[in-house]
Amino acid sequence: MSACGKSPSGSEPTVEPNQGGAEQAPAATDKALIPTPETTAIPAAGREVEPDLLLPDLKTTEPAELFIEYAGGRRYIRASTTVENVGIGPLRIAGALSAAGTTATATQIAMRQRVAAINIMIGRMRHDPAHGHWHLNNFAMLELWTYEPGGELETMLRNTPKITFCLLDIVKIRPETPVAAAAPEFSSCDWQSQGISQG
């Protein structure tokens, strides 16, 4: 399945998911999604990939709805972006809310084929008041390139800083895939749980 968003190329890029209805910021007393006793929190840096992990594989599809916007004497490239999961497992993110209630520690829950899942700490989420929901920090970076006559990348003209993203299931792209999820698992951009199902 895929997560979609709108993203501009400019000095202050943002990504807005194609979904209806804004969500309210949770109270600081809300409980976090607590890992089960069988899971272990392990930093992602330097970790070797285990052969039986059911991992996601994220791919950015071709941008759509491209247009140029003129604002403040500058030109911005606007586009709709879609990230699909072609892996054998879901991208499942669980959050643990901070005391201030404005950020949350983000942990990826990776399933195994035969034994308990593991938790991999991957960063932080933050509440975006303008969008009314939660984003995973540093999820993507967009680049604008020229091409060689044969289609190879030539020169990078511009890139954005790392941008935040709301992760949820929007559309099933590869329903014929044997490991595709039978139904969407992630339907909202809250701090407790976000992700992209496989397929």
N, C-alpha and C. Protein backbone atom coordinates (compact mmCIF):
# COMPACT_ATOMS: atom_id res chain seq x y z
N MET A 1 0.84 -1.17 0.00
CA MET A 1 0.00 0.00 0.00
C MET A 1 0.89 1.24 0.00
N SER A 2 0.28 2.39 0.02
CA SER A 2 1.09 3.59 -0.14
C SER A 2 0.63 4.70 0.77
N ALA A 3 1.56 5.62 1.01
CA ALA A 3 1.26 6.87 1.69
C ALA A 3 1.46 7.99 0.69
N CYS A 4 0.55 8.93 0.66
CA CYS A 4 0.62 10.00 -0.32
C CYS A 4 0.80 11.34 0.37
N GLY A 5 1.33 12.31 -0.39
CA GLY A 5 1.47 13.65 0.17
C GLY A 5 1.73 14.65 -0.92
N LYS A 6 1.56 15.95 -0.57
CA LYS A 6 1.88 17.05 -1.45
C LYS A 6 3.21 17.62 -0.98
N SER A 7 4.13 17.91 -1.91
CA SER A 7 5.39 18.44 -1.47
C SER A 7 5.92 19.47 -2.44
N PRO A 8 6.36 20.64 -1.94
CA PRO A 8 6.93 21.66 -2.79
C PRO A 8 8.44 21.59 -2.81
N SER A 9 9.08 22.13 -3.85
CA SER A 9 10.52 22.31 -3.86
C SER A 9 10.79 23.77 -3.60
N GLY A 10 11.41 24.10 -2.49
CA GLY A 10 11.66 25.48 -2.13
C GLY A 10 12.41 25.55 -0.83
N SER A 11 12.45 26.75 -0.24
CA SER A 11 13.24 26.92 0.97
C SER A 11 12.62 26.31 2.19
N GLU A 12 11.28 26.20 2.23
CA GLU A 12 10.62 25.64 3.39
C GLU A 12 9.62 24.57 2.94
N PRO A 13 10.12 23.39 2.54
CA PRO A 13 9.22 22.36 2.01
C PRO A 13 8.35 21.75 3.10
N THR A 14 7.13 21.40 2.70
CA THR A 14 6.24 20.67 3.59
C THR A 14 5.60 19.56 2.80
N VAL A 15 5.06 18.58 3.50
CA VAL A 15 4.36 17.48 2.86
C VAL A 15 3.01 17.34 3.53
N GLU A 16 1.95 17.32 2.74
CA GLU A 16 0.61 17.19 3.27
C GLU A 16 -0.04 15.94 2.71
N PRO A 17 -0.46 15.01 3.55
CA PRO A 17 -1.10 13.79 3.06
C PRO A 17 -2.47 14.07 2.49
N ASN A 18 -2.87 13.26 1.51
CA ASN A 18 -4.19 13.40 0.92
C ASN A 18 -5.21 12.68 1.77
N GLN A 19 -5.67 13.33 2.81
CA GLN A 19 -6.66 12.71 3.66
C GLN A 19 -7.60 13.78 4.18
N GLY A 20 -8.78 13.37 4.56
CA GLY A 20 -9.75 14.32 5.07
C GLY A 20 -9.83 14.27 6.57
N GLY A 21 -10.17 15.42 7.17
CA GLY A 21 -10.39 15.46 8.61
C GLY A 21 -9.13 15.68 9.40
N ALA A 22 -9.07 16.77 10.15
CA ALA A 22 -7.91 17.05 10.97
C ALA A 22 -8.06 16.39 12.32
N GLU A 23 -6.95 15.98 12.89
CA GLU A 23 -6.95 15.35 14.20
C GLU A 23 -6.43 16.34 15.23
N GLN A 24 -6.93 16.27 16.45
CA GLN A 24 -6.52 17.17 17.50
C GLN A 24 -5.27 16.63 18.20
N ALA A 25 -4.46 17.55 18.74
CA ALA A 25 -3.28 17.13 19.50
C ALA A 25 -3.72 16.41 20.76
N PRO A 26 -3.07 15.32 21.14
CA PRO A 26 -3.48 14.57 22.32
C PRO A 26 -3.05 15.29 23.58
N ALA A 27 -3.70 14.98 24.67
CA ALA A 27 -3.27 15.52 25.97
C ALA A 27 -1.98 14.84 26.39
N ALA A 28 -1.19 15.55 27.20
CA ALA A 28 0.11 15.02 27.61
C ALA A 28 -0.03 13.78 28.48
N THR A 29 -1.22 13.52 28.98
CA THR A 29 -1.42 12.36 29.85
C THR A 29 -1.81 11.11 29.09
N ASP A 30 -2.01 11.21 27.76
CA ASP A 30 -2.36 10.04 26.98
C ASP A 30 -1.26 8.99 27.09
N LYS A 31 -1.64 7.72 27.08
CA LYS A 31 -0.68 6.64 27.22
C LYS A 31 -0.04 6.30 25.88
N ALA A 32 1.23 5.97 25.91
CA ALA A 32 1.94 5.56 24.70
C ALA A 32 1.62 4.12 24.37
N LEU A 33 1.89 3.74 23.12
CA LEU A 33 1.76 2.35 22.72
C LEU A 33 2.95 1.59 23.28
N ILE A 34 2.75 0.80 24.30
CA ILE A 34 3.84 0.14 25.00
C ILE A 34 4.21 -1.15 24.30
N PRO A 35 5.51 -1.38 23.99
CA PRO A 35 5.92 -2.65 23.37
C PRO A 35 5.58 -3.83 24.28
N THR A 36 5.34 -4.98 23.68
CA THR A 36 5.07 -6.18 24.45
C THR A 36 6.36 -6.63 25.14
N PRO A 37 6.27 -7.42 26.21
CA PRO A 37 7.48 -7.86 26.92
C PRO A 37 8.45 -8.64 26.04
N GLU A 38 7.95 -9.23 24.95
CA GLU A 38 8.84 -10.04 24.10
C GLU A 38 9.74 -9.19 23.21
N THR A 39 9.45 -7.89 23.09
CA THR A 39 10.23 -7.05 22.19
C THR A 39 11.36 -6.37 22.94
N THR A 40 12.38 -5.97 22.21
CA THR A 40 13.54 -5.32 22.79
C THR A 40 13.87 -4.08 21.98
N ALA A 41 14.05 -2.94 22.66
CA ALA A 41 14.42 -1.70 21.99
C ALA A 41 15.90 -1.74 21.64
N ILE A 42 16.21 -1.63 20.34
CA ILE A 42 17.59 -1.71 19.87
C ILE A 42 17.84 -0.54 18.93
N PRO A 43 18.90 0.27 19.15
CA PRO A 43 19.20 1.38 18.25
C PRO A 43 19.41 0.88 16.83
N ALA A 44 18.96 1.69 15.83
CA ALA A 44 19.07 1.28 14.44
C ALA A 44 20.51 1.37 13.94
N ALA A 45 21.28 2.34 14.45
CA ALA A 45 22.64 2.56 13.95
C ALA A 45 23.52 1.34 14.19
N GLY A 46 24.15 0.85 13.13
CA GLY A 46 25.10 -0.24 13.25
C GLY A 46 24.47 -1.61 13.37
N ARG A 47 23.15 -1.70 13.28
CA ARG A 47 22.49 -2.99 13.47
C ARG A 47 22.58 -3.84 12.20
N GLU A 48 22.96 -5.11 12.35
CA GLU A 48 22.98 -6.03 11.22
C GLU A 48 21.56 -6.52 10.95
N VAL A 49 21.23 -6.67 9.67
CA VAL A 49 19.90 -7.12 9.28
C VAL A 49 19.78 -8.62 9.49
N GLU A 50 18.77 -9.05 10.22
CA GLU A 50 18.55 -10.46 10.48
C GLU A 50 17.77 -11.08 9.32
N PRO A 51 18.11 -12.31 8.92
CA PRO A 51 17.50 -12.90 7.73
C PRO A 51 16.01 -13.20 7.86
N ASP A 52 15.50 -13.35 9.09
CA ASP A 52 14.09 -13.71 9.22
C ASP A 52 13.19 -12.51 9.53
N LEU A 53 13.72 -11.29 9.43
CA LEU A 53 12.90 -10.11 9.66
C LEU A 53 11.97 -9.86 8.49
N LEU A 54 10.71 -9.54 8.79
CA LEU A 54 9.74 -9.20 7.75
C LEU A 54 9.76 -7.69 7.57
N LEU A 55 10.71 -7.21 6.76
CA LEU A 55 10.97 -5.78 6.65
C LEU A 55 10.20 -5.13 5.51
N PRO A 56 9.88 -3.84 5.66
CA PRO A 56 9.30 -3.08 4.55
C PRO A 56 10.40 -2.71 3.56
N ASP A 57 10.00 -2.34 2.36
CA ASP A 57 10.92 -1.84 1.33
C ASP A 57 10.20 -0.66 0.67
N LEU A 58 10.60 0.55 0.99
CA LEU A 58 9.87 1.74 0.56
C LEU A 58 10.42 2.27 -0.77
N LYS A 59 9.52 2.57 -1.68
CA LYS A 59 9.87 3.12 -2.99
C LYS A 59 9.01 4.36 -3.25
N THR A 60 9.65 5.41 -3.76
CA THR A 60 8.91 6.61 -4.15
C THR A 60 8.47 6.46 -5.60
N THR A 61 7.18 6.61 -5.85
CA THR A 61 6.67 6.49 -7.21
C THR A 61 6.88 7.79 -7.97
N GLU A 62 6.60 7.75 -9.27
CA GLU A 62 6.77 8.94 -10.10
C GLU A 62 5.85 10.07 -9.61
N PRO A 63 6.39 11.29 -9.44
CA PRO A 63 5.55 12.41 -8.96
C PRO A 63 4.38 12.68 -9.90
N ALA A 64 3.29 13.15 -9.32
CA ALA A 64 2.09 13.48 -10.10
C ALA A 64 1.66 14.91 -9.76
N GLU A 65 0.74 15.43 -10.55
CA GLU A 65 0.17 16.76 -10.32
C GLU A 65 1.26 17.84 -10.23
N LEU A 66 2.25 17.76 -11.13
CA LEU A 66 3.34 18.73 -11.13
C LEU A 66 2.87 20.08 -11.66
N PHE A 67 3.24 21.15 -10.97
CA PHE A 67 2.99 22.50 -11.48
C PHE A 67 3.94 23.46 -10.79
N ILE A 68 4.10 24.65 -11.36
CA ILE A 68 4.99 25.68 -10.82
C ILE A 68 4.15 26.79 -10.20
N GLU A 69 4.49 27.15 -8.98
CA GLU A 69 3.80 28.23 -8.28
C GLU A 69 4.76 29.40 -8.10
N TYR A 70 4.27 30.61 -8.38
CA TYR A 70 5.05 31.82 -8.19
C TYR A 70 4.57 32.51 -6.92
N ALA A 71 5.48 32.72 -5.97
CA ALA A 71 5.12 33.35 -4.70
C ALA A 71 6.32 34.09 -4.14
N GLY A 72 6.12 35.35 -3.78
CA GLY A 72 7.19 36.14 -3.17
C GLY A 72 8.40 36.31 -4.07
N GLY A 73 8.18 36.37 -5.38
CA GLY A 73 9.28 36.53 -6.31
C GLY A 73 10.09 35.27 -6.56
N ARG A 74 9.59 34.13 -6.07
CA ARG A 74 10.29 32.87 -6.28
C ARG A 74 9.39 31.86 -6.97
N ARG A 75 10.01 30.86 -7.57
CA ARG A 75 9.27 29.77 -8.21
C ARG A 75 9.37 28.51 -7.35
N TYR A 76 8.25 27.84 -7.18
CA TYR A 76 8.20 26.60 -6.40
C TYR A 76 7.60 25.49 -7.27
N ILE A 77 8.25 24.34 -7.25
CA ILE A 77 7.70 23.17 -7.92
C ILE A 77 6.83 22.42 -6.92
N ARG A 78 5.56 22.26 -7.25
CA ARG A 78 4.63 21.53 -6.39
C ARG A 78 4.32 20.18 -7.04
N ALA A 79 4.16 19.17 -6.22
CA ALA A 79 3.88 17.84 -6.75
C ALA A 79 3.21 16.98 -5.68
N SER A 80 2.51 15.97 -6.14
CA SER A 80 1.95 14.96 -5.23
C SER A 80 2.92 13.78 -5.19
N THR A 81 3.31 13.37 -4.00
CA THR A 81 4.26 12.27 -3.85
C THR A 81 3.59 11.05 -3.22
N THR A 82 4.02 9.89 -3.65
CA THR A 82 3.50 8.63 -3.11
C THR A 82 4.66 7.71 -2.77
N VAL A 83 4.62 7.14 -1.58
CA VAL A 83 5.62 6.17 -1.16
C VAL A 83 4.92 4.83 -1.00
N GLU A 84 5.40 3.81 -1.73
CA GLU A 84 4.78 2.49 -1.63
C GLU A 84 5.71 1.52 -0.92
N ASN A 85 5.13 0.52 -0.32
CA ASN A 85 5.87 -0.50 0.40
C ASN A 85 5.83 -1.79 -0.41
N VAL A 86 6.97 -2.14 -1.01
CA VAL A 86 7.07 -3.36 -1.82
C VAL A 86 7.78 -4.48 -1.06
N GLY A 87 7.93 -4.31 0.25
CA GLY A 87 8.62 -5.31 1.05
C GLY A 87 7.71 -6.45 1.48
N ILE A 88 8.22 -7.30 2.37
CA ILE A 88 7.46 -8.47 2.83
C ILE A 88 6.82 -8.23 4.19
N GLY A 89 6.99 -7.04 4.73
CA GLY A 89 6.39 -6.70 6.02
C GLY A 89 5.98 -5.24 6.04
N PRO A 90 5.14 -4.84 6.98
CA PRO A 90 4.68 -3.46 7.06
C PRO A 90 5.74 -2.55 7.67
N LEU A 91 5.67 -1.27 7.33
CA LEU A 91 6.39 -0.25 8.09
C LEU A 91 5.47 0.14 9.24
N ARG A 92 5.81 -0.27 10.44
CA ARG A 92 4.95 -0.03 11.60
C ARG A 92 5.72 0.83 12.60
N ILE A 93 5.22 2.03 12.85
CA ILE A 93 5.86 2.98 13.75
C ILE A 93 4.99 3.18 14.98
N ALA A 94 5.58 3.03 16.16
CA ALA A 94 4.88 3.28 17.43
C ALA A 94 5.52 4.48 18.10
N GLY A 95 4.70 5.30 18.75
CA GLY A 95 5.20 6.49 19.40
C GLY A 95 5.09 6.42 20.91
N ALA A 96 6.01 7.11 21.59
CA ALA A 96 5.96 7.29 23.04
C ALA A 96 5.97 8.79 23.30
N LEU A 97 4.88 9.29 23.82
CA LEU A 97 4.68 10.74 23.94
C LEU A 97 5.61 11.36 24.98
N SER A 98 6.15 12.54 24.65
CA SER A 98 6.98 13.28 25.60
C SER A 98 6.11 13.93 26.67
N ALA A 99 6.74 14.38 27.73
CA ALA A 99 6.01 15.02 28.82
C ALA A 99 5.31 16.29 28.36
N ALA A 100 5.93 17.00 27.42
CA ALA A 100 5.34 18.24 26.92
C ALA A 100 4.16 17.99 25.99
N GLY A 101 4.08 16.80 25.44
CA GLY A 101 2.97 16.45 24.57
C GLY A 101 3.08 16.97 23.16
N THR A 102 4.26 17.51 22.76
CA THR A 102 4.42 18.07 21.41
C THR A 102 5.31 17.21 20.52
N THR A 103 6.05 16.26 21.10
CA THR A 103 6.87 15.34 20.32
C THR A 103 6.68 13.93 20.87
N ALA A 104 7.13 12.94 20.09
CA ALA A 104 7.05 11.55 20.52
C ALA A 104 8.25 10.80 19.97
N THR A 105 8.82 9.92 20.77
CA THR A 105 9.88 9.05 20.28
C THR A 105 9.29 8.02 19.33
N ALA A 106 9.89 7.87 18.15
CA ALA A 106 9.38 6.96 17.12
C ALA A 106 10.19 5.67 17.12
N THR A 107 9.49 4.54 17.22
CA THR A 107 10.13 3.22 17.22
C THR A 107 9.51 2.35 16.13
N GLN A 108 10.36 1.78 15.28
CA GLN A 108 9.88 0.85 14.26
C GLN A 108 9.76 -0.54 14.86
N ILE A 109 8.59 -1.15 14.70
CA ILE A 109 8.36 -2.50 15.17
C ILE A 109 8.53 -3.44 13.98
N ALA A 110 9.58 -4.24 14.00
CA ALA A 110 9.89 -5.15 12.90
C ALA A 110 9.52 -6.57 13.32
N MET A 111 8.66 -7.21 12.54
CA MET A 111 8.23 -8.58 12.85
C MET A 111 9.25 -9.59 12.34
N ARG A 112 9.29 -10.74 13.02
CA ARG A 112 10.11 -11.86 12.57
C ARG A 112 9.21 -12.99 12.10
N GLN A 113 9.77 -13.91 11.32
CA GLN A 113 8.99 -15.03 10.80
C GLN A 113 8.66 -16.05 11.87
N ARG A 114 9.60 -16.30 12.79
CA ARG A 114 9.42 -17.41 13.72
C ARG A 114 9.45 -17.01 15.19
N VAL A 115 10.02 -15.87 15.51
CA VAL A 115 10.14 -15.48 16.92
C VAL A 115 9.57 -14.09 17.13
N ALA A 116 9.72 -13.55 18.34
CA ALA A 116 9.11 -12.28 18.70
C ALA A 116 9.67 -11.12 17.88
N ALA A 117 8.88 -10.06 17.82
CA ALA A 117 9.28 -8.86 17.10
C ALA A 117 10.38 -8.13 17.84
N ILE A 118 11.04 -7.21 17.14
CA ILE A 118 12.02 -6.35 17.78
C ILE A 118 11.62 -4.90 17.55
N ASN A 119 12.06 -4.03 18.43
CA ASN A 119 11.83 -2.60 18.31
C ASN A 119 13.12 -1.90 17.95
N ILE A 120 13.07 -1.03 16.96
CA ILE A 120 14.24 -0.29 16.50
C ILE A 120 13.92 1.20 16.60
N MET A 121 14.61 1.91 17.47
CA MET A 121 14.38 3.34 17.64
C MET A 121 14.89 4.08 16.41
N ILE A 122 14.01 4.87 15.75
CA ILE A 122 14.39 5.49 14.49
C ILE A 122 14.32 7.01 14.49
N GLY A 123 13.82 7.63 15.54
CA GLY A 123 13.78 9.08 15.53
C GLY A 123 12.63 9.62 16.36
N ARG A 124 12.02 10.71 15.86
CA ARG A 124 10.96 11.36 16.60
C ARG A 124 9.82 11.75 15.67
N MET A 125 8.65 11.88 16.26
CA MET A 125 7.49 12.45 15.59
C MET A 125 7.15 13.77 16.27
N ARG A 126 6.49 14.66 15.54
CA ARG A 126 6.06 15.92 16.13
C ARG A 126 4.66 16.26 15.66
N HIS A 127 3.94 16.99 16.48
CA HIS A 127 2.60 17.43 16.12
C HIS A 127 2.69 18.69 15.30
N ASP A 128 2.01 18.71 14.17
CA ASP A 128 1.99 19.87 13.28
C ASP A 128 0.68 20.61 13.46
N PRO A 129 0.67 21.77 14.15
CA PRO A 129 -0.59 22.49 14.38
C PRO A 129 -1.29 22.92 13.09
N ALA A 130 -0.51 23.23 12.04
CA ALA A 130 -1.11 23.67 10.79
C ALA A 130 -1.90 22.56 10.11
N HIS A 131 -1.40 21.33 10.23
CA HIS A 131 -2.07 20.19 9.59
C HIS A 131 -3.00 19.45 10.54
N GLY A 132 -2.81 19.64 11.84
CA GLY A 132 -3.70 19.01 12.81
C GLY A 132 -3.43 17.54 13.07
N HIS A 133 -2.22 17.07 12.72
CA HIS A 133 -1.88 15.68 12.99
C HIS A 133 -0.37 15.54 13.19
N TRP A 134 0.10 14.30 13.31
CA TRP A 134 1.50 14.03 13.64
C TRP A 134 2.30 13.60 12.42
N HIS A 135 3.57 14.05 12.36
CA HIS A 135 4.49 13.71 11.28
C HIS A 135 5.71 13.00 11.83
N LEU A 136 6.26 12.07 11.05
CA LEU A 136 7.55 11.46 11.36
C LEU A 136 8.64 12.37 10.82
N ASN A 137 9.58 12.78 11.67
CA ASN A 137 10.65 13.69 11.24
C ASN A 137 11.63 12.99 10.30
N ASN A 138 12.25 13.79 9.43
CA ASN A 138 13.37 13.34 8.58
C ASN A 138 13.03 12.09 7.77
N PHE A 139 11.83 12.06 7.21
CA PHE A 139 11.41 10.86 6.48
C PHE A 139 11.93 10.84 5.05
N ALA A 140 12.02 12.00 4.40
CA ALA A 140 12.37 12.01 2.98
C ALA A 140 13.12 13.29 2.63
N MET A 141 13.80 13.25 1.49
CA MET A 141 14.44 14.43 0.92
C MET A 141 14.19 14.41 -0.58
N LEU A 142 13.74 15.52 -1.13
CA LEU A 142 13.42 15.60 -2.56
C LEU A 142 14.56 16.26 -3.32
N GLU A 143 14.81 15.78 -4.55
CA GLU A 143 15.88 16.31 -5.39
C GLU A 143 15.35 16.60 -6.79
N LEU A 144 15.88 17.66 -7.42
CA LEU A 144 15.54 18.03 -8.79
C LEU A 144 16.79 17.88 -9.65
N TRP A 145 16.72 17.00 -10.68
CA TRP A 145 17.88 16.67 -11.51
C TRP A 145 17.62 16.98 -12.98
N THR A 146 18.71 17.23 -13.72
CA THR A 146 18.66 17.19 -15.18
C THR A 146 19.02 15.78 -15.63
N TYR A 147 18.68 15.47 -16.89
CA TYR A 147 18.91 14.12 -17.41
C TYR A 147 19.83 14.14 -18.63
N GLU A 148 20.60 13.07 -18.77
CA GLU A 148 21.37 12.84 -19.99
C GLU A 148 20.40 12.42 -21.11
N PRO A 149 20.82 12.50 -22.38
CA PRO A 149 19.95 12.06 -23.49
C PRO A 149 19.44 10.63 -23.33
N GLY A 150 20.23 9.77 -22.71
CA GLY A 150 19.82 8.38 -22.53
C GLY A 150 18.95 8.14 -21.32
N GLY A 151 18.69 9.19 -20.54
CA GLY A 151 17.82 9.07 -19.38
C GLY A 151 18.55 8.97 -18.05
N GLU A 152 19.90 8.93 -18.07
CA GLU A 152 20.65 8.86 -16.83
C GLU A 152 20.66 10.21 -16.13
N LEU A 153 20.76 10.19 -14.80
CA LEU A 153 20.84 11.42 -14.04
C LEU A 153 22.11 12.17 -14.41
N GLU A 154 22.01 13.51 -14.54
CA GLU A 154 23.15 14.31 -14.96
C GLU A 154 23.61 15.25 -13.83
N THR A 155 22.83 16.29 -13.54
CA THR A 155 23.21 17.29 -12.54
C THR A 155 22.06 17.55 -11.59
N MET A 156 22.34 17.54 -10.27
CA MET A 156 21.32 17.89 -9.30
C MET A 156 21.24 19.42 -9.19
N LEU A 157 20.06 19.97 -9.45
CA LEU A 157 19.87 21.42 -9.44
C LEU A 157 19.49 21.94 -8.06
N ARG A 158 18.57 21.26 -7.40
CA ARG A 158 18.09 21.67 -6.09
C ARG A 158 17.73 20.45 -5.26
N ASN A 159 17.78 20.61 -3.96
CA ASN A 159 17.23 19.58 -3.07
C ASN A 159 16.61 20.27 -1.86
N THR A 160 15.76 19.54 -1.17
CA THR A 160 15.10 20.08 0.00
C THR A 160 15.81 19.58 1.26
N PRO A 161 15.64 20.27 2.38
CA PRO A 161 16.07 19.66 3.65
C PRO A 161 15.25 18.40 3.89
N LYS A 162 15.66 17.60 4.85
CA LYS A 162 14.86 16.43 5.20
C LYS A 162 13.49 16.89 5.70
N ILE A 163 12.44 16.23 5.22
CA ILE A 163 11.09 16.69 5.49
C ILE A 163 10.32 15.67 6.33
N THR A 164 9.30 16.18 7.01
CA THR A 164 8.44 15.31 7.81
C THR A 164 7.35 14.73 6.93
N PHE A 165 6.73 13.65 7.40
CA PHE A 165 5.72 12.98 6.59
C PHE A 165 4.72 12.28 7.51
N CYS A 166 3.47 12.31 7.11
CA CYS A 166 2.42 11.54 7.79
C CYS A 166 2.29 10.21 7.07
N LEU A 167 2.39 9.10 7.79
CA LEU A 167 2.40 7.77 7.18
C LEU A 167 1.08 7.05 7.46
N LEU A 168 0.37 6.74 6.39
CA LEU A 168 -0.87 5.97 6.52
C LEU A 168 -1.20 5.32 5.18
N ASP A 169 -2.06 4.31 5.21
CA ASP A 169 -2.45 3.59 4.00
C ASP A 169 -3.48 4.42 3.22
N ILE A 170 -3.15 4.71 1.96
CA ILE A 170 -4.04 5.50 1.10
C ILE A 170 -4.67 4.62 0.03
N VAL A 171 -3.84 3.88 -0.70
CA VAL A 171 -4.34 3.08 -1.82
C VAL A 171 -3.48 1.83 -1.95
N LYS A 172 -4.10 0.73 -2.37
CA LYS A 172 -3.37 -0.52 -2.63
C LYS A 172 -2.83 -0.46 -4.05
N ILE A 173 -1.50 -0.50 -4.20
CA ILE A 173 -0.86 -0.36 -5.50
C ILE A 173 -0.59 -1.71 -6.14
N ARG A 174 -0.22 -2.71 -5.35
CA ARG A 174 0.14 -4.04 -5.87
C ARG A 174 -0.73 -5.12 -5.21
N PRO A 175 -2.02 -5.15 -5.52
CA PRO A 175 -2.90 -6.14 -4.88
C PRO A 175 -2.57 -7.57 -5.26
N GLU A 176 -1.87 -7.76 -6.39
CA GLU A 176 -1.55 -9.11 -6.84
C GLU A 176 -0.36 -9.70 -6.09
N THR A 177 0.36 -8.88 -5.33
CA THR A 177 1.53 -9.37 -4.60
C THR A 177 1.11 -10.38 -3.53
N PRO A 178 1.76 -11.55 -3.45
CA PRO A 178 1.34 -12.57 -2.47
C PRO A 178 1.38 -12.08 -1.03
N VAL A 179 2.31 -11.17 -0.71
CA VAL A 179 2.43 -10.71 0.68
C VAL A 179 1.62 -9.44 0.95
N ALA A 180 0.84 -8.98 -0.03
CA ALA A 180 0.07 -7.75 0.16
C ALA A 180 -0.91 -7.90 1.32
N ALA A 181 -1.03 -6.84 2.10
CA ALA A 181 -1.96 -6.85 3.23
C ALA A 181 -3.39 -6.98 2.72
N ALA A 182 -4.20 -7.75 3.43
CA ALA A 182 -5.59 -7.96 3.01
C ALA A 182 -6.42 -6.71 3.15
N ALA A 183 -6.08 -5.87 4.13
CA ALA A 183 -6.85 -4.65 4.38
C ALA A 183 -5.91 -3.59 4.94
N PRO A 184 -6.25 -2.31 4.79
CA PRO A 184 -5.41 -1.24 5.34
C PRO A 184 -5.29 -1.37 6.85
N GLU A 185 -4.09 -1.18 7.36
CA GLU A 185 -3.85 -1.24 8.80
C GLU A 185 -3.71 0.14 9.43
N PHE A 186 -3.22 1.10 8.66
CA PHE A 186 -2.92 2.42 9.19
C PHE A 186 -3.84 3.45 8.55
N SER A 187 -4.70 4.05 9.36
CA SER A 187 -5.75 4.92 8.81
C SER A 187 -5.72 6.33 9.37
N SER A 188 -4.80 6.64 10.28
CA SER A 188 -4.76 7.99 10.84
C SER A 188 -3.32 8.38 11.17
N CYS A 189 -3.09 9.67 11.25
CA CYS A 189 -1.75 10.20 11.53
C CYS A 189 -1.68 10.66 12.97
N ASP A 190 -1.73 9.73 13.92
CA ASP A 190 -1.62 10.10 15.31
C ASP A 190 -0.24 9.67 15.84
N TRP A 191 0.06 9.99 17.08
CA TRP A 191 1.38 9.69 17.63
C TRP A 191 1.49 8.25 18.10
N GLN A 192 0.36 7.58 18.37
CA GLN A 192 0.44 6.22 18.87
C GLN A 192 0.92 5.23 17.82
N SER A 193 0.45 5.40 16.57
CA SER A 193 0.77 4.43 15.54
C SER A 193 0.62 5.03 14.15
N GLN A 194 1.62 4.83 13.31
CA GLN A 194 1.56 5.19 11.89
C GLN A 194 2.28 4.11 11.11
N GLY A 195 2.10 4.10 9.79
CA GLY A 195 2.85 3.14 8.98
C GLY A 195 2.29 2.98 7.59
N ILE A 196 2.91 2.05 6.84
CA ILE A 196 2.50 1.72 5.48
C ILE A 196 2.47 0.19 5.36
N SER A 197 1.32 -0.36 5.03
CA SER A 197 1.20 -1.81 4.86
C SER A 197 1.88 -2.25 3.58
N GLN A 198 2.27 -3.52 3.52
CA GLN A 198 2.91 -4.04 2.32
C GLN A 198 1.87 -4.23 1.20
N GLY A 199 2.30 -3.97 -0.02
CA GLY A 199 1.43 -4.10 -1.18
C GLY A 199 0.77 -2.81 -1.59
